[in-house]
Amino acid sequence: MGSTSKTSAYVAGNISSVQYTSQNGSIGTENFVCANGHNTEIKLNNTASIWKLTEENALGQPTKATTGTMARTYGYTAYEHVTTSYEGE
């Protein structure tokens, strides 16, 4: 039975990448893009965007993001609870 491992790297206290490896070699790497100490995008092998923050409100809460080709929109109540999560292409 084989084993897998993951190795994380950090820049300025923020995660910058997670590399996944099996006994046969590298499986792939998630690369994280940060702005102002917050994750704004995740790329696979530093090329294909798999998650990206595209808009946030004045409180810094995400209001729009993309996952691959899917667009997501989020709304919040006065108590900062998520009220909507719409997925569309």
PDB file of N, CA and C in Angstrom:
ATOM      1  N   MET A   1       0.838  -1.164   0.000  1.00  0.00           N
ATOM      2  CA  MET A   1       0.000   0.000   0.000  1.00  0.00           C
ATOM      3  C   MET A   1       0.890   1.236   0.000  1.00  0.00           C
ATOM      4  N   GLY A   2       0.582   2.208  -0.842  1.00  0.00           N
ATOM      5  CA  GLY A   2       1.397   3.410  -0.955  1.00  0.00           C
ATOM      6  C   GLY A   2       1.003   4.471   0.045  1.00  0.00           C
ATOM      7  N   SER A   3       1.837   5.460   0.129  1.00  0.00           N
ATOM      8  CA  SER A   3       1.548   6.561   1.039  1.00  0.00           C
ATOM      9  C   SER A   3       1.583   7.873   0.281  1.00  0.00           C
ATOM     10  N   THR A   4       0.875   8.849   0.822  1.00  0.00           N
ATOM     11  CA  THR A   4       0.910  10.189   0.259  1.00  0.00           C
ATOM     12  C   THR A   4       1.327  11.153   1.357  1.00  0.00           C
ATOM     13  N   SER A   5       1.860  12.282   0.951  1.00  0.00           N
ATOM     14  CA  SER A   5       2.243  13.304   1.916  1.00  0.00           C
ATOM     15  C   SER A   5       1.933  14.664   1.336  1.00  0.00           C
ATOM     16  N   LYS A   6       1.876  15.646   2.219  1.00  0.00           N
ATOM     17  CA  LYS A   6       1.710  17.017   1.744  1.00  0.00           C
ATOM     18  C   LYS A   6       2.700  17.898   2.477  1.00  0.00           C
ATOM     19  N   THR A   7       3.226  18.863   1.737  1.00  0.00           N
ATOM     20  CA  THR A   7       4.209  19.782   2.276  1.00  0.00           C
ATOM     21  C   THR A   7       3.697  21.195   2.067  1.00  0.00           C
ATOM     22  N   SER A   8       3.593  21.946   3.153  1.00  0.00           N
ATOM     23  CA  SER A   8       3.091  23.319   3.083  1.00  0.00           C
ATOM     24  C   SER A   8       4.243  24.310   3.136  1.00  0.00           C
ATOM     25  N   ALA A   9       4.083  25.413   2.427  1.00  0.00           N
ATOM     26  CA  ALA A   9       5.063  26.502   2.457  1.00  0.00           C
ATOM     27  C   ALA A   9       4.331  27.792   2.812  1.00  0.00           C
ATOM     28  N   TYR A  10       5.038  28.689   3.494  1.00  0.00           N
ATOM     29  CA  TYR A  10       4.449  29.943   3.960  1.00  0.00           C
ATOM     30  C   TYR A  10       5.318  31.125   3.564  1.00  0.00           C
ATOM     31  N   VAL A  11       4.658  32.271   3.312  1.00  0.00           N
ATOM     32  CA  VAL A  11       5.339  33.523   3.041  1.00  0.00           C
ATOM     33  C   VAL A  11       4.681  34.582   3.910  1.00  0.00           C
ATOM     34  N   ALA A  12       5.455  35.270   4.706  1.00  0.00           N
ATOM     35  CA  ALA A  12       4.964  36.338   5.590  1.00  0.00           C
ATOM     36  C   ALA A  12       3.801  35.857   6.454  1.00  0.00           C
ATOM     37  N   GLY A  13       3.867  34.613   6.908  1.00  0.00           N
ATOM     38  CA  GLY A  13       2.840  34.071   7.784  1.00  0.00           C
ATOM     39  C   GLY A  13       1.605  33.543   7.080  1.00  0.00           C
ATOM     40  N   ASN A  14       1.538  33.685   5.761  1.00  0.00           N
ATOM     41  CA  ASN A  14       0.402  33.191   4.985  1.00  0.00           C
ATOM     42  C   ASN A  14       0.817  31.947   4.212  1.00  0.00           C
ATOM     43  N   ILE A  15      -0.103  30.993   4.100  1.00  0.00           N
ATOM     44  CA  ILE A  15       0.205  29.801   3.320  1.00  0.00           C
ATOM     45  C   ILE A  15       0.387  30.203   1.862  1.00  0.00           C
ATOM     46  N   SER A  16       1.425  29.697   1.232  1.00  0.00           N
ATOM     47  CA  SER A  16       1.684  30.033  -0.173  1.00  0.00           C
ATOM     48  C   SER A  16       1.498  28.834  -1.091  1.00  0.00           C
ATOM     49  N   SER A  17       1.695  27.616  -0.549  1.00  0.00           N
ATOM     50  CA  SER A  17       1.482  26.439  -1.389  1.00  0.00           C
ATOM     51  C   SER A  17       1.355  25.187  -0.530  1.00  0.00           C
ATOM     52  N   VAL A  18       0.682  24.193  -1.112  1.00  0.00           N
ATOM     53  CA  VAL A  18       0.612  22.860  -0.528  1.00  0.00           C
ATOM     54  C   VAL A  18       0.914  21.884  -1.657  1.00  0.00           C
ATOM     55  N   GLN A  19       1.997  21.132  -1.506  1.00  0.00           N
ATOM     56  CA  GLN A  19       2.403  20.167  -2.525  1.00  0.00           C
ATOM     57  C   GLN A  19       2.023  18.771  -2.045  1.00  0.00           C
ATOM     58  N   TYR A  20       1.336  18.026  -2.926  1.00  0.00           N
ATOM     59  CA  TYR A  20       0.920  16.664  -2.629  1.00  0.00           C
ATOM     60  C   TYR A  20       1.823  15.699  -3.378  1.00  0.00           C
ATOM     61  N   THR A  21       2.328  14.686  -2.669  1.00  0.00           N
ATOM     62  CA  THR A  21       3.275  13.739  -3.248  1.00  0.00           C
ATOM     63  C   THR A  21       2.858  12.325  -2.879  1.00  0.00           C
ATOM     64  N   SER A  22       2.993  11.406  -3.830  1.00  0.00           N
ATOM     65  CA  SER A  22       2.780   9.986  -3.567  1.00  0.00           C
ATOM     66  C   SER A  22       4.120   9.276  -3.685  1.00  0.00           C
ATOM     67  N   GLN A  23       4.121   7.992  -3.470  1.00  0.00           N
ATOM     68  CA  GLN A  23       5.354   7.221  -3.607  1.00  0.00           C
ATOM     69  C   GLN A  23       5.884   7.256  -5.042  1.00  0.00           C
ATOM     70  N   ASN A  24       5.029   7.637  -5.998  1.00  0.00           N
ATOM     71  CA  ASN A  24       5.443   7.718  -7.399  1.00  0.00           C
ATOM     72  C   ASN A  24       5.895   9.114  -7.823  1.00  0.00           C
ATOM     73  N   GLY A  25       5.832  10.083  -6.895  1.00  0.00           N
ATOM     74  CA  GLY A  25       6.263  11.443  -7.222  1.00  0.00           C
ATOM     75  C   GLY A  25       5.164  12.453  -6.967  1.00  0.00           C
ATOM     76  N   SER A  26       5.353  13.640  -7.499  1.00  0.00           N
ATOM     77  CA  SER A  26       4.431  14.744  -7.261  1.00  0.00           C
ATOM     78  C   SER A  26       3.059  14.483  -7.868  1.00  0.00           C
ATOM     79  N   ILE A  27       2.008  14.749  -7.081  1.00  0.00           N
ATOM     80  CA  ILE A  27       0.631  14.653  -7.577  1.00  0.00           C
ATOM     81  C   ILE A  27       0.204  16.009  -8.119  1.00  0.00           C
ATOM     82  N   GLY A  28       0.530  17.061  -7.400  1.00  0.00           N
ATOM     83  CA  GLY A  28       0.174  18.410  -7.810  1.00  0.00           C
ATOM     84  C   GLY A  28       0.377  19.382  -6.660  1.00  0.00           C
ATOM     85  N   THR A  29       0.260  20.660  -6.970  1.00  0.00           N
ATOM     86  CA  THR A  29       0.473  21.704  -5.974  1.00  0.00           C
ATOM     87  C   THR A  29      -0.658  22.713  -6.035  1.00  0.00           C
ATOM     88  N   GLU A  30      -1.190  23.059  -4.859  1.00  0.00           N
ATOM     89  CA  GLU A  30      -2.129  24.166  -4.739  1.00  0.00           C
ATOM     90  C   GLU A  30      -1.305  25.398  -4.399  1.00  0.00           C
ATOM     91  N   ASN A  31      -1.470  26.464  -5.170  1.00  0.00           N
ATOM     92  CA  ASN A  31      -0.753  27.706  -4.925  1.00  0.00           C
ATOM     93  C   ASN A  31      -1.758  28.758  -4.470  1.00  0.00           C
ATOM     94  N   PHE A  32      -1.457  29.440  -3.376  1.00  0.00           N
ATOM     95  CA  PHE A  32      -2.356  30.408  -2.774  1.00  0.00           C
ATOM     96  C   PHE A  32      -1.860  31.821  -3.026  1.00  0.00           C
ATOM     97  N   VAL A  33      -2.779  32.690  -3.455  1.00  0.00           N
ATOM     98  CA  VAL A  33      -2.477  34.098  -3.662  1.00  0.00           C
ATOM     99  C   VAL A  33      -3.143  34.855  -2.522  1.00  0.00           C
ATOM    100  N   CYS A  34      -2.382  35.682  -1.827  1.00  0.00           N
ATOM    101  CA  CYS A  34      -2.909  36.438  -0.684  1.00  0.00           C
ATOM    102  C   CYS A  34      -2.777  37.933  -0.926  1.00  0.00           C
ATOM    103  N   ALA A  35      -3.725  38.689  -0.378  1.00  0.00           N
ATOM    104  CA  ALA A  35      -3.664  40.148  -0.388  1.00  0.00           C
ATOM    105  C   ALA A  35      -4.123  40.628   0.980  1.00  0.00           C
ATOM    106  N   ASN A  36      -3.373  41.517   1.577  1.00  0.00           N
ATOM    107  CA  ASN A  36      -3.697  42.059   2.895  1.00  0.00           C
ATOM    108  C   ASN A  36      -3.914  40.964   3.938  1.00  0.00           C
ATOM    109  N   GLY A  37      -3.154  39.874   3.832  1.00  0.00           N
ATOM    110  CA  GLY A  37      -3.237  38.800   4.804  1.00  0.00           C
ATOM    111  C   GLY A  37      -4.379  37.829   4.599  1.00  0.00           C
ATOM    112  N   HIS A  38      -5.104  37.939   3.481  1.00  0.00           N
ATOM    113  CA  HIS A  38      -6.239  37.060   3.218  1.00  0.00           C
ATOM    114  C   HIS A  38      -6.066  36.348   1.882  1.00  0.00           C
ATOM    115  N   ASN A  39      -6.519  35.104   1.842  1.00  0.00           N
ATOM    116  CA  ASN A  39      -6.459  34.321   0.613  1.00  0.00           C
ATOM    117  C   ASN A  39      -7.420  34.911  -0.420  1.00  0.00           C
ATOM    118  N   THR A  40      -6.928  35.169  -1.627  1.00  0.00           N
ATOM    119  CA  THR A  40      -7.769  35.720  -2.686  1.00  0.00           C
ATOM    120  C   THR A  40      -7.885  34.798  -3.892  1.00  0.00           C
ATOM    121  N   GLU A  41      -7.001  33.795  -3.984  1.00  0.00           N
ATOM    122  CA  GLU A  41      -7.079  32.867  -5.120  1.00  0.00           C
ATOM    123  C   GLU A  41      -6.294  31.601  -4.802  1.00  0.00           C
ATOM    124  N   ILE A  42      -6.786  30.490  -5.343  1.00  0.00           N
ATOM    125  CA  ILE A  42      -6.069  29.216  -5.272  1.00  0.00           C
ATOM    126  C   ILE A  42      -5.909  28.713  -6.698  1.00  0.00           C
ATOM    127  N   LYS A  43      -4.676  28.380  -7.056  1.00  0.00           N
ATOM    128  CA  LYS A  43      -4.384  27.863  -8.393  1.00  0.00           C
ATOM    129  C   LYS A  43      -3.832  26.449  -8.286  1.00  0.00           C
ATOM    130  N   LEU A  44      -4.127  25.628  -9.255  1.00  0.00           N
ATOM    131  CA  LEU A  44      -3.576  24.282  -9.333  1.00  0.00           C
ATOM    132  C   LEU A  44      -2.321  24.332 -10.185  1.00  0.00           C
ATOM    133  N   ASN A  45      -1.209  23.893  -9.611  1.00  0.00           N
ATOM    134  CA  ASN A  45       0.088  23.906 -10.291  1.00  0.00           C
ATOM    135  C   ASN A  45       0.441  25.293 -10.828  1.00  0.00           C
ATOM    136  N   ASN A  46      -0.007  26.318 -10.103  1.00  0.00           N
ATOM    137  CA  ASN A  46       0.275  27.720 -10.408  1.00  0.00           C
ATOM    138  C   ASN A  46      -0.214  28.157 -11.782  1.00  0.00           C
ATOM    139  N   THR A  47      -1.216  27.453 -12.332  1.00  0.00           N
ATOM    140  CA  THR A  47      -1.740  27.848 -13.640  1.00  0.00           C
ATOM    141  C   THR A  47      -3.258  27.971 -13.621  1.00  0.00           C
ATOM    142  N   ALA A  48      -3.978  26.879 -13.398  1.00  0.00           N
ATOM    143  CA  ALA A  48      -5.447  26.885 -13.473  1.00  0.00           C
ATOM    144  C   ALA A  48      -6.042  27.400 -12.169  1.00  0.00           C
ATOM    145  N   SER A  49      -6.854  28.453 -12.264  1.00  0.00           N
ATOM    146  CA  SER A  49      -7.518  28.992 -11.086  1.00  0.00           C
ATOM    147  C   SER A  49      -8.641  28.036 -10.682  1.00  0.00           C
ATOM    148  N   ILE A  50      -8.617  27.583  -9.419  1.00  0.00           N
ATOM    149  CA  ILE A  50      -9.676  26.694  -8.943  1.00  0.00           C
ATOM    150  C   ILE A  50     -10.608  27.392  -7.959  1.00  0.00           C
ATOM    151  N   TRP A  51     -10.194  28.526  -7.412  1.00  0.00           N
ATOM    152  CA  TRP A  51     -11.044  29.383  -6.569  1.00  0.00           C
ATOM    153  C   TRP A  51     -10.465  30.783  -6.594  1.00  0.00           C
ATOM    154  N   LYS A  52     -11.361  31.788  -6.755  1.00  0.00           N
ATOM    155  CA  LYS A  52     -10.878  33.171  -6.775  1.00  0.00           C
ATOM    156  C   LYS A  52     -11.935  34.100  -6.194  1.00  0.00           C
ATOM    157  N   LEU A  53     -11.530  34.923  -5.232  1.00  0.00           N
ATOM    158  CA  LEU A  53     -12.382  35.966  -4.679  1.00  0.00           C
ATOM    159  C   LEU A  53     -12.443  37.096  -5.692  1.00  0.00           C
ATOM    160  N   THR A  54     -13.673  37.491  -6.087  1.00  0.00           N
ATOM    161  CA  THR A  54     -13.788  38.546  -7.091  1.00  0.00           C
ATOM    162  C   THR A  54     -14.427  39.823  -6.549  1.00  0.00           C
ATOM    163  N   GLU A  55     -15.062  39.727  -5.363  1.00  0.00           N
ATOM    164  CA  GLU A  55     -15.655  40.931  -4.777  1.00  0.00           C
ATOM    165  C   GLU A  55     -15.919  40.703  -3.297  1.00  0.00           C
ATOM    166  N   GLU A  56     -15.748  41.762  -2.509  1.00  0.00           N
ATOM    167  CA  GLU A  56     -16.089  41.698  -1.093  1.00  0.00           C
ATOM    168  C   GLU A  56     -16.787  42.988  -0.689  1.00  0.00           C
ATOM    169  N   ASN A  57     -17.546  42.934   0.430  1.00  0.00           N
ATOM    170  CA  ASN A  57     -18.260  44.121   0.888  1.00  0.00           C
ATOM    171  C   ASN A  57     -17.363  44.971   1.782  1.00  0.00           C
ATOM    172  N   ALA A  58     -17.915  46.055   2.333  1.00  0.00           N
ATOM    173  CA  ALA A  58     -17.136  46.990   3.154  1.00  0.00           C
ATOM    174  C   ALA A  58     -16.607  46.342   4.435  1.00  0.00           C
ATOM    175  N   LEU A  59     -17.229  45.238   4.870  1.00  0.00           N
ATOM    176  CA  LEU A  59     -16.777  44.523   6.060  1.00  0.00           C
ATOM    177  C   LEU A  59     -15.708  43.482   5.743  1.00  0.00           C
ATOM    178  N   GLY A  60     -15.350  43.361   4.467  1.00  0.00           N
ATOM    179  CA  GLY A  60     -14.344  42.387   4.063  1.00  0.00           C
ATOM    180  C   GLY A  60     -14.895  40.986   3.871  1.00  0.00           C
ATOM    181  N   GLN A  61     -16.220  40.851   3.856  1.00  0.00           N
ATOM    182  CA  GLN A  61     -16.837  39.541   3.636  1.00  0.00           C
ATOM    183  C   GLN A  61     -16.906  39.259   2.139  1.00  0.00           C
ATOM    184  N   PRO A  62     -16.664  38.015   1.725  1.00  0.00           N
ATOM    185  CA  PRO A  62     -16.761  37.702   0.296  1.00  0.00           C
ATOM    186  C   PRO A  62     -18.193  37.820  -0.194  1.00  0.00           C
ATOM    187  N   THR A  63     -18.402  38.524  -1.303  1.00  0.00           N
ATOM    188  CA  THR A  63     -19.727  38.624  -1.897  1.00  0.00           C
ATOM    189  C   THR A  63     -19.784  37.961  -3.268  1.00  0.00           C
ATOM    190  N   LYS A  64     -18.627  37.819  -3.915  1.00  0.00           N
ATOM    191  CA  LYS A  64     -18.571  37.109  -5.193  1.00  0.00           C
ATOM    192  C   LYS A  64     -17.256  36.341  -5.274  1.00  0.00           C
ATOM    193  N   ALA A  65     -17.347  35.119  -5.792  1.00  0.00           N
ATOM    194  CA  ALA A  65     -16.160  34.285  -5.986  1.00  0.00           C
ATOM    195  C   ALA A  65     -16.424  33.359  -7.156  1.00  0.00           C
ATOM    196  N   THR A  66     -15.362  32.860  -7.747  1.00  0.00           N
ATOM    197  CA  THR A  66     -15.495  31.858  -8.801  1.00  0.00           C
ATOM    198  C   THR A  66     -14.807  30.580  -8.354  1.00  0.00           C
ATOM    199  N   THR A  67     -15.424  29.470  -8.703  1.00  0.00           N
ATOM    200  CA  THR A  67     -14.852  28.152  -8.469  1.00  0.00           C
ATOM    201  C   THR A  67     -14.786  27.489  -9.838  1.00  0.00           C
ATOM    202  N   GLY A  68     -13.593  27.438 -10.407  1.00  0.00           N
ATOM    203  CA  GLY A  68     -13.491  26.969 -11.790  1.00  0.00           C
ATOM    204  C   GLY A  68     -14.246  27.930 -12.685  1.00  0.00           C
ATOM    205  N   THR A  69     -15.274  27.445 -13.371  1.00  0.00           N
ATOM    206  CA  THR A  69     -16.084  28.299 -14.241  1.00  0.00           C
ATOM    207  C   THR A  69     -17.390  28.723 -13.582  1.00  0.00           C
ATOM    208  N   MET A  70     -17.635  28.290 -12.341  1.00  0.00           N
ATOM    209  CA  MET A  70     -18.869  28.610 -11.629  1.00  0.00           C
ATOM    210  C   MET A  70     -18.724  29.919 -10.864  1.00  0.00           C
ATOM    211  N   ALA A  71     -19.707  30.821 -11.028  1.00  0.00           N
ATOM    212  CA  ALA A  71     -19.735  32.077 -10.284  1.00  0.00           C
ATOM    213  C   ALA A  71     -20.619  31.898  -9.055  1.00  0.00           C
ATOM    214  N   ARG A  72     -20.167  32.412  -7.917  1.00  0.00           N
ATOM    215  CA  ARG A  72     -20.932  32.321  -6.668  1.00  0.00           C
ATOM    216  C   ARG A  72     -21.154  33.731  -6.132  1.00  0.00           C
ATOM    217  N   THR A  73     -22.359  33.975  -5.629  1.00  0.00           N
ATOM    218  CA  THR A  73     -22.706  35.259  -5.032  1.00  0.00           C
ATOM    219  C   THR A  73     -23.244  35.005  -3.636  1.00  0.00           C
ATOM    220  N   TYR A  74     -22.779  35.793  -2.652  1.00  0.00           N
ATOM    221  CA  TYR A  74     -23.169  35.612  -1.261  1.00  0.00           C
ATOM    222  C   TYR A  74     -23.778  36.886  -0.714  1.00  0.00           C
ATOM    223  N   GLY A  75     -24.818  36.744   0.117  1.00  0.00           N
ATOM    224  CA  GLY A  75     -25.427  37.862   0.822  1.00  0.00           C
ATOM    225  C   GLY A  75     -25.374  37.585   2.312  1.00  0.00           C
ATOM    226  N   TYR A  76     -25.590  38.620   3.123  1.00  0.00           N
ATOM    227  CA  TYR A  76     -25.466  38.489   4.573  1.00  0.00           C
ATOM    228  C   TYR A  76     -26.607  39.197   5.281  1.00  0.00           C
ATOM    229  N   THR A  77     -27.018  38.670   6.445  1.00  0.00           N
ATOM    230  CA  THR A  77     -28.000  39.330   7.289  1.00  0.00           C
ATOM    231  C   THR A  77     -27.297  40.408   8.103  1.00  0.00           C
ATOM    232  N   ALA A  78     -28.072  41.165   8.862  1.00  0.00           N
ATOM    233  CA  ALA A  78     -27.492  42.187   9.733  1.00  0.00           C
ATOM    234  C   ALA A  78     -26.587  41.569  10.794  1.00  0.00           C
ATOM    235  N   TYR A  79     -26.771  40.270  11.058  1.00  0.00           N
ATOM    236  CA  TYR A  79     -25.942  39.566  12.042  1.00  0.00           C
ATOM    237  C   TYR A  79     -24.777  38.822  11.386  1.00  0.00           C
ATOM    238  N   GLU A  80     -24.520  39.146  10.114  1.00  0.00           N
ATOM    239  CA  GLU A  80     -23.400  38.606   9.339  1.00  0.00           C
ATOM    240  C   GLU A  80     -23.506  37.120   9.029  1.00  0.00           C
ATOM    241  N   HIS A  81     -24.726  36.577   9.015  1.00  0.00           N
ATOM    242  CA  HIS A  81     -24.931  35.195   8.598  1.00  0.00           C
ATOM    243  C   HIS A  81     -25.160  35.152   7.087  1.00  0.00           C
ATOM    244  N   VAL A  82     -24.657  34.135   6.425  1.00  0.00           N
ATOM    245  CA  VAL A  82     -24.837  34.000   4.983  1.00  0.00           C
ATOM    246  C   VAL A  82     -26.304  33.720   4.693  1.00  0.00           C
ATOM    247  N   THR A  83     -26.898  34.501   3.772  1.00  0.00           N
ATOM    248  CA  THR A  83     -28.307  34.314   3.422  1.00  0.00           C
ATOM    249  C   THR A  83     -28.483  33.686   2.051  1.00  0.00           C
ATOM    250  N   THR A  84     -27.544  33.898   1.161  1.00  0.00           N
ATOM    251  CA  THR A  84     -27.690  33.365  -0.190  1.00  0.00           C
ATOM    252  C   THR A  84     -26.350  32.822  -0.680  1.00  0.00           C
ATOM    253  N   SER A  85     -26.439  31.808  -1.480  1.00  0.00           N
ATOM    254  CA  SER A  85     -25.278  31.293  -2.178  1.00  0.00           C
ATOM    255  C   SER A  85     -25.760  30.838  -3.530  1.00  0.00           C
ATOM    256  N   TYR A  86     -25.561  31.645  -4.543  1.00  0.00           N
ATOM    257  CA  TYR A  86     -26.040  31.348  -5.885  1.00  0.00           C
ATOM    258  C   TYR A  86     -24.895  30.824  -6.734  1.00  0.00           C
ATOM    259  N   GLU A  87     -25.159  29.744  -7.446  1.00  0.00           N
ATOM    260  CA  GLU A  87     -24.150  29.210  -8.350  1.00  0.00           C
ATOM    261  C   GLU A  87     -24.688  29.257  -9.761  1.00  0.00           C
ATOM    262  N   GLY A  88     -23.940  29.801 -10.643  1.00  0.00           N
ATOM    263  CA  GLY A  88     -24.335  29.877 -12.039  1.00  0.00           C
ATOM    264  C   GLY A  88     -23.111  29.914 -12.913  1.00  0.00           C
ATOM    265  N   GLU A  89     -23.325  29.760 -14.205  1.00  0.00           N
ATOM    266  CA  GLU A  89     -22.188  29.807 -15.121  1.00  0.00           C
ATOM    267  C   GLU A  89     -22.133  31.130 -15.802  1.00  0.00           C
TER     268      GLU A  89
END
